[in-house]
């Protein structure tokens, strides 16, 4: 028998989610979804406001930066999700909202520390890259390239947080032995597929990174779009992989080994699979093959 949401579990979920968010940035996302679904919007938003404000007042602006933007992304997505908005629109708007919060937080933190120009920000990035290279001389980082790709890095972090929240939400409910309310508009993860038109956005951006058309600003924008597209298609490739493993009736050992190899070592391969899925429709083919095998 599942237990109801209780004040004690609220404290447990809140504490663990805050700790994971402080330590990793994104691993607290599944618990934050459980928190919102089990205790409602008031508890979710109030806790987020308290944690973000406390981090800022304790002079931990980078922490406030990450927690605030991830909290906004997850919260905005769930608000739209409960109102029946499609997952693609909800995801696009919620990541945009989280990015705005991240941008405003960064500007505020820079100004509080007397940093007001791009040149000064670039100086910080150069110091960061030099320290990384001192710790690991094998790593070669170009401060200018790194600075140009910060926007896509922020968006990718928010997408990863949202993705992890959606993927592991049900498992966290099960671990906590709590009832999980299903939402009609909730994304079916095995059916995750980017809108068809997005393939042209991704391909155009990739083309612009290869040819010198439109100037430096267009090239920088194109690189950032390609970075984000790789992550979005990674999740589509992940859905294809899961359907394939289900069709093969793979056991726990096979699944763990497959995910360690593909997710841990060959993420780009899954992104390519997700991209090709636009033309091939792997999941449709796998289901038809399974149907034929079952009927024969």
Protein backbone atom coordinates (compact mmCIF):
# COMPACT_ATOMS: atom_id res chain seq x y z
CA UNK A 1 0.00 0.00 0.00
CA UNK A 2 1.37 3.39 -0.99
CA UNK A 3 1.78 6.04 1.68
CA UNK A 4 0.30 9.49 1.36
CA UNK A 5 2.40 12.62 1.12
CA UNK A 6 3.24 13.71 4.65
CA UNK A 7 5.07 16.64 6.30
CA UNK A 8 7.92 14.28 7.20
CA UNK A 9 8.33 13.23 3.58
CA UNK A 10 8.16 16.87 2.51
CA UNK A 11 11.19 17.58 4.72
CA UNK A 12 12.99 14.51 3.37
CA UNK A 13 12.29 15.31 -0.29
CA UNK A 14 13.13 18.99 0.16
CA UNK A 15 16.40 18.27 1.95
CA UNK A 16 17.62 15.69 -0.55
CA UNK A 17 16.56 17.73 -3.59
CA UNK A 18 18.29 20.86 -2.27
CA UNK A 19 21.44 18.89 -1.41
CA UNK A 20 21.57 17.24 -4.85
CA UNK A 21 20.89 20.56 -6.56
CA UNK A 22 23.72 22.22 -4.62
CA UNK A 23 26.16 19.40 -5.36
CA UNK A 24 25.29 18.58 -8.97
CA UNK A 25 22.89 21.21 -10.29
CA UNK A 26 20.63 18.77 -12.17
CA UNK A 27 20.29 15.53 -10.17
CA UNK A 28 17.74 17.04 -7.81
CA UNK A 29 15.27 17.51 -10.69
CA UNK A 30 13.31 14.24 -10.25
CA UNK A 31 12.76 15.00 -6.58
CA UNK A 32 11.63 18.53 -7.42
CA UNK A 33 8.98 17.12 -9.78
CA UNK A 34 7.82 14.77 -7.02
CA UNK A 35 7.72 17.73 -4.62
CA UNK A 36 5.58 19.80 -7.00
CA UNK A 37 3.19 16.97 -7.81
CA UNK A 38 2.75 15.80 -4.22
CA UNK A 39 2.62 19.09 -2.33
CA UNK A 40 1.36 21.57 -4.91
CA UNK A 41 2.63 24.81 -6.47
CA UNK A 42 2.74 26.90 -3.31
CA UNK A 43 5.16 24.57 -1.54
CA UNK A 44 7.29 24.18 -4.66
CA UNK A 45 7.64 27.89 -5.49
CA UNK A 46 8.02 29.05 -1.88
CA UNK A 47 10.79 26.55 -1.20
CA UNK A 48 12.54 27.55 -4.41
CA UNK A 49 12.34 31.24 -3.49
CA UNK A 50 13.73 30.58 0.00
CA UNK A 51 16.63 28.43 -1.23
CA UNK A 52 17.57 30.79 -4.07
CA UNK A 53 17.37 33.90 -1.85
CA UNK A 54 19.37 32.24 0.92
CA UNK A 55 22.09 31.22 -1.55
CA UNK A 56 22.28 34.78 -2.88
CA UNK A 57 22.42 36.36 0.58
CA UNK A 58 25.14 33.92 1.63
CA UNK A 59 27.21 35.29 -1.26
CA UNK A 60 26.91 32.04 -3.23
CA UNK A 61 25.70 33.68 -6.44
CA UNK A 62 26.71 30.81 -8.76
CA UNK A 63 24.63 28.44 -6.63
CA UNK A 64 21.66 30.81 -6.71
CA UNK A 65 22.21 31.13 -10.45
CA UNK A 66 21.89 27.36 -11.05
CA UNK A 67 19.21 26.55 -8.51
CA UNK A 68 17.01 29.49 -9.50
CA UNK A 69 17.15 28.75 -13.23
CA UNK A 70 16.53 25.00 -12.82
CA UNK A 71 13.70 25.63 -10.35
CA UNK A 72 12.08 28.05 -12.79
CA UNK A 73 12.45 25.61 -15.70
CA UNK A 74 10.91 22.68 -13.86
CA UNK A 75 8.19 24.78 -12.26
CA UNK A 76 7.15 26.52 -15.47
CA UNK A 77 7.06 23.20 -17.33
CA UNK A 78 4.83 21.59 -14.71
CA UNK A 79 2.48 24.57 -14.56
CA UNK A 80 1.93 24.33 -18.32
CA UNK A 81 1.83 20.54 -18.19
CA UNK A 82 -1.08 20.60 -15.72
CA UNK A 83 -2.94 23.01 -18.00
CA UNK A 84 -2.70 20.60 -20.95
CA UNK A 85 -0.09 22.49 -22.96
CA UNK A 86 1.86 20.21 -25.33
CA UNK A 87 5.23 18.98 -24.10
CA UNK A 88 7.15 20.72 -26.91
CA UNK A 89 5.63 24.15 -26.23
CA UNK A 90 5.95 23.62 -22.46
CA UNK A 91 9.59 22.62 -22.83
CA UNK A 92 10.43 25.50 -25.15
CA UNK A 93 8.80 28.12 -22.93
CA UNK A 94 10.06 26.70 -19.64
CA UNK A 95 13.68 26.44 -20.83
CA UNK A 96 13.38 29.98 -22.18
CA UNK A 97 12.10 31.16 -18.77
CA UNK A 98 14.93 29.36 -16.98
CA UNK A 99 17.46 30.90 -19.38
CA UNK A 100 16.13 34.38 -18.67
CA UNK A 101 16.46 33.78 -14.93
CA UNK A 102 20.00 32.48 -15.46
CA UNK A 103 20.91 35.49 -17.59
CA UNK A 104 19.50 38.03 -15.13
CA UNK A 105 21.17 36.23 -12.21
CA UNK A 106 24.52 36.26 -14.01
CA UNK A 107 24.24 39.97 -14.81
CA UNK A 108 23.31 40.73 -11.20
CA UNK A 109 26.19 38.65 -9.85
CA UNK A 110 28.68 40.29 -12.22
CA UNK A 111 27.56 43.79 -11.28
CA UNK A 112 27.72 43.01 -7.57
CA UNK A 113 31.35 42.03 -8.12
CA UNK A 114 32.19 45.07 -10.23
CA UNK A 115 32.17 43.31 -13.60
CA UNK A 116 30.32 45.39 -16.16
CA UNK A 117 31.85 44.68 -19.57
CA UNK A 118 32.29 41.68 -21.87
CA UNK A 119 36.05 42.18 -21.70
CA UNK A 120 35.96 41.72 -17.92
CA UNK A 121 33.81 38.59 -18.29
CA UNK A 122 36.29 37.25 -20.84
CA UNK A 123 39.05 37.89 -18.30
CA UNK A 124 37.21 35.68 -15.80
CA UNK A 125 36.84 32.96 -18.42
CA UNK A 126 40.56 33.15 -19.21
CA UNK A 127 41.40 32.73 -15.52
CA UNK A 128 39.05 29.77 -15.32
CA UNK A 129 40.56 28.05 -18.37
CA UNK A 130 44.11 28.64 -17.13
CA UNK A 131 43.27 27.00 -13.79
CA UNK A 132 41.67 24.03 -15.56
CA UNK A 133 44.76 23.60 -17.75
CA UNK A 134 47.03 23.84 -14.71
CA UNK A 135 45.07 21.00 -13.08
CA UNK A 136 44.98 18.96 -16.30
CA UNK A 137 47.57 20.01 -18.91
CA UNK A 138 46.07 17.58 -21.44
CA UNK A 139 42.91 19.71 -21.64
CA UNK A 140 43.12 22.51 -24.19
CA UNK A 141 40.48 25.22 -23.88
CA UNK A 142 40.07 28.35 -25.96
CA UNK A 143 38.65 31.07 -23.65
CA UNK A 144 36.99 32.93 -26.53
CA UNK A 145 35.29 29.81 -27.89
CA UNK A 146 34.20 28.85 -24.38
CA UNK A 147 32.70 32.29 -23.80
CA UNK A 148 30.80 32.18 -27.10
CA UNK A 149 29.20 28.84 -26.19
CA UNK A 150 28.09 29.74 -22.66
CA UNK A 151 24.48 30.42 -23.83
CA UNK A 152 24.08 26.91 -25.22
CA UNK A 153 25.79 25.45 -22.13
CA UNK A 154 23.14 27.07 -19.92
CA UNK A 155 20.30 25.83 -22.13
CA UNK A 156 21.79 22.32 -22.20
CA UNK A 157 21.98 22.20 -18.39
CA UNK A 158 18.32 23.19 -18.17
CA UNK A 159 17.31 20.61 -20.80
CA UNK A 160 19.26 17.89 -18.97
CA UNK A 161 17.58 18.82 -15.68
CA UNK A 162 14.15 18.71 -17.30
CA UNK A 163 14.95 15.43 -19.05
CA UNK A 164 16.23 13.76 -15.89
CA UNK A 165 13.17 14.96 -14.01
CA UNK A 166 10.81 13.41 -16.55
CA UNK A 167 12.78 10.15 -16.88
CA UNK A 168 13.26 9.37 -13.20
CA UNK A 169 10.11 10.89 -11.70
CA UNK A 170 8.15 7.63 -11.64
CA UNK A 171 11.08 5.72 -10.13
CA UNK A 172 11.46 8.30 -7.35
CA UNK A 173 7.73 8.05 -6.55
CA UNK A 174 8.20 4.28 -6.31
CA UNK A 175 11.29 4.55 -4.08
CA UNK A 176 9.45 6.92 -1.74
CA UNK A 177 6.35 4.67 -1.81
CA UNK A 178 4.13 7.63 -2.66
CA UNK A 179 1.05 7.83 -4.93
CA UNK A 180 1.70 9.29 -8.37
CA UNK A 181 -1.02 11.19 -10.17
CA UNK A 182 -0.90 10.82 -13.95
CA UNK A 183 -1.49 13.85 -16.15
CA UNK A 184 -3.20 13.35 -19.50
CA UNK A 185 -0.89 15.80 -21.29
CA UNK A 186 2.29 14.31 -19.79
CA UNK A 187 4.93 13.33 -22.31
CA UNK A 188 5.14 9.60 -23.06
CA UNK A 189 8.90 9.18 -22.93
CA UNK A 190 9.08 6.25 -25.37
CA UNK A 191 7.19 8.40 -27.90
CA UNK A 192 9.48 11.41 -27.52
CA UNK A 193 10.10 12.82 -30.97
CA UNK A 194 11.09 16.34 -31.94
CA UNK A 195 8.77 18.22 -34.32
CA UNK A 196 9.61 17.46 -37.94
CA UNK A 197 10.47 21.06 -38.75
CA UNK A 198 13.25 21.06 -36.15
CA UNK A 199 15.39 18.88 -38.42
CA UNK A 200 15.67 21.80 -40.84
CA UNK A 201 16.63 24.16 -38.02
CA UNK A 202 19.38 21.76 -36.93
CA UNK A 203 20.65 21.10 -40.45
CA UNK A 204 20.68 24.80 -41.37
CA UNK A 205 22.59 25.62 -38.19
CA UNK A 206 25.09 22.84 -38.89
CA UNK A 207 25.59 24.14 -42.43
CA UNK A 208 26.23 27.66 -41.12
CA UNK A 209 28.97 26.33 -38.84
CA UNK A 210 30.72 24.86 -41.89
CA UNK A 211 30.53 27.79 -44.29
CA UNK A 212 31.42 31.43 -43.72
CA UNK A 213 28.02 32.93 -44.46
CA UNK A 214 26.43 35.75 -42.50
CA UNK A 215 29.42 36.82 -40.44
CA UNK A 216 30.81 35.86 -37.06
CA UNK A 217 27.60 36.52 -35.09
CA UNK A 218 25.62 34.09 -37.27
CA UNK A 219 28.34 31.46 -36.91
CA UNK A 220 28.32 31.77 -33.12
CA UNK A 221 24.51 31.50 -33.04
CA UNK A 222 24.67 28.45 -35.33
CA UNK A 223 27.20 26.68 -33.09
CA UNK A 224 25.01 27.25 -30.04
CA UNK A 225 21.95 25.88 -31.87
CA UNK A 226 23.91 22.80 -32.98
CA UNK A 227 25.04 22.17 -29.39
CA UNK A 228 21.44 22.27 -28.16
CA UNK A 229 20.21 20.13 -31.08
CA UNK A 230 22.76 17.43 -30.23
CA UNK A 231 21.31 17.13 -26.73
CA UNK A 232 17.70 17.14 -27.94
CA UNK A 233 18.43 14.40 -30.46
CA UNK A 234 20.35 12.51 -27.78
CA UNK A 235 17.08 12.12 -25.85
CA UNK A 236 15.34 10.97 -29.04
CA UNK A 237 18.11 8.40 -29.56
CA UNK A 238 17.66 7.35 -25.92
CA UNK A 239 13.96 6.70 -26.57
CA UNK A 240 14.86 4.60 -29.62
CA UNK A 241 17.37 2.63 -27.54
CA UNK A 242 14.79 1.94 -24.82
CA UNK A 243 12.23 0.69 -27.36
CA UNK A 244 14.94 -1.53 -28.90
CA UNK A 245 15.84 -3.00 -25.48
CA UNK A 246 12.15 -3.59 -24.75
CA UNK A 247 11.69 -5.36 -28.08
CA UNK A 248 14.72 -7.56 -27.30
CA UNK A 249 13.36 -8.19 -23.78
CA UNK A 250 16.79 -7.29 -22.47
CA UNK A 251 17.62 -8.17 -18.89
CA UNK A 252 19.00 -5.89 -16.20
CA UNK A 253 22.65 -6.75 -16.92
CA UNK A 254 22.28 -6.11 -20.67
CA UNK A 255 20.50 -2.81 -20.05
CA UNK A 256 23.11 -1.59 -17.56
CA UNK A 257 25.98 -2.57 -19.85
CA UNK A 258 24.31 -0.94 -22.88
CA UNK A 259 23.67 2.32 -21.04
CA UNK A 260 27.19 2.43 -19.62
CA UNK A 261 28.65 2.06 -23.10
CA UNK A 262 26.26 4.23 -25.11
CA UNK A 263 25.24 6.87 -22.58
CA UNK A 264 28.51 7.00 -20.67
CA UNK A 265 30.95 6.74 -23.57
CA UNK A 266 29.17 7.22 -26.91
CA UNK A 267 26.55 9.92 -26.35
CA UNK A 268 27.11 11.35 -29.83
CA UNK A 269 26.12 7.98 -31.32
CA UNK A 270 22.71 8.23 -29.67
CA UNK A 271 22.35 11.80 -30.97
CA UNK A 272 23.04 10.54 -34.50
CA UNK A 273 20.50 7.73 -34.02
CA UNK A 274 17.94 10.30 -32.86
CA UNK A 275 18.67 12.45 -35.92
CA UNK A 276 18.38 9.54 -38.37
CA UNK A 277 15.13 8.49 -36.68
CA UNK A 278 13.48 11.41 -38.53
CA UNK A 279 13.87 9.48 -41.80
CA UNK A 280 14.01 5.85 -40.65
CA UNK A 281 11.44 5.75 -37.80
CA UNK A 282 13.29 3.06 -35.86
CA UNK A 283 10.56 2.66 -33.24
CA UNK A 284 7.84 2.11 -35.81
CA UNK A 285 9.95 -0.54 -37.56
CA UNK A 286 10.81 -2.29 -34.29
CA UNK A 287 7.14 -2.43 -33.26
CA UNK A 288 6.11 -3.79 -36.65
CA UNK A 289 8.81 -6.48 -36.48
CA UNK A 290 7.71 -7.41 -32.98
CA UNK A 291 4.07 -7.56 -34.11
CA UNK A 292 4.98 -9.84 -37.03
CA UNK A 293 7.01 -12.07 -34.71
CA UNK A 294 4.14 -12.30 -32.23
CA UNK A 295 1.55 -13.18 -34.91
CA UNK A 296 3.71 -15.77 -36.66
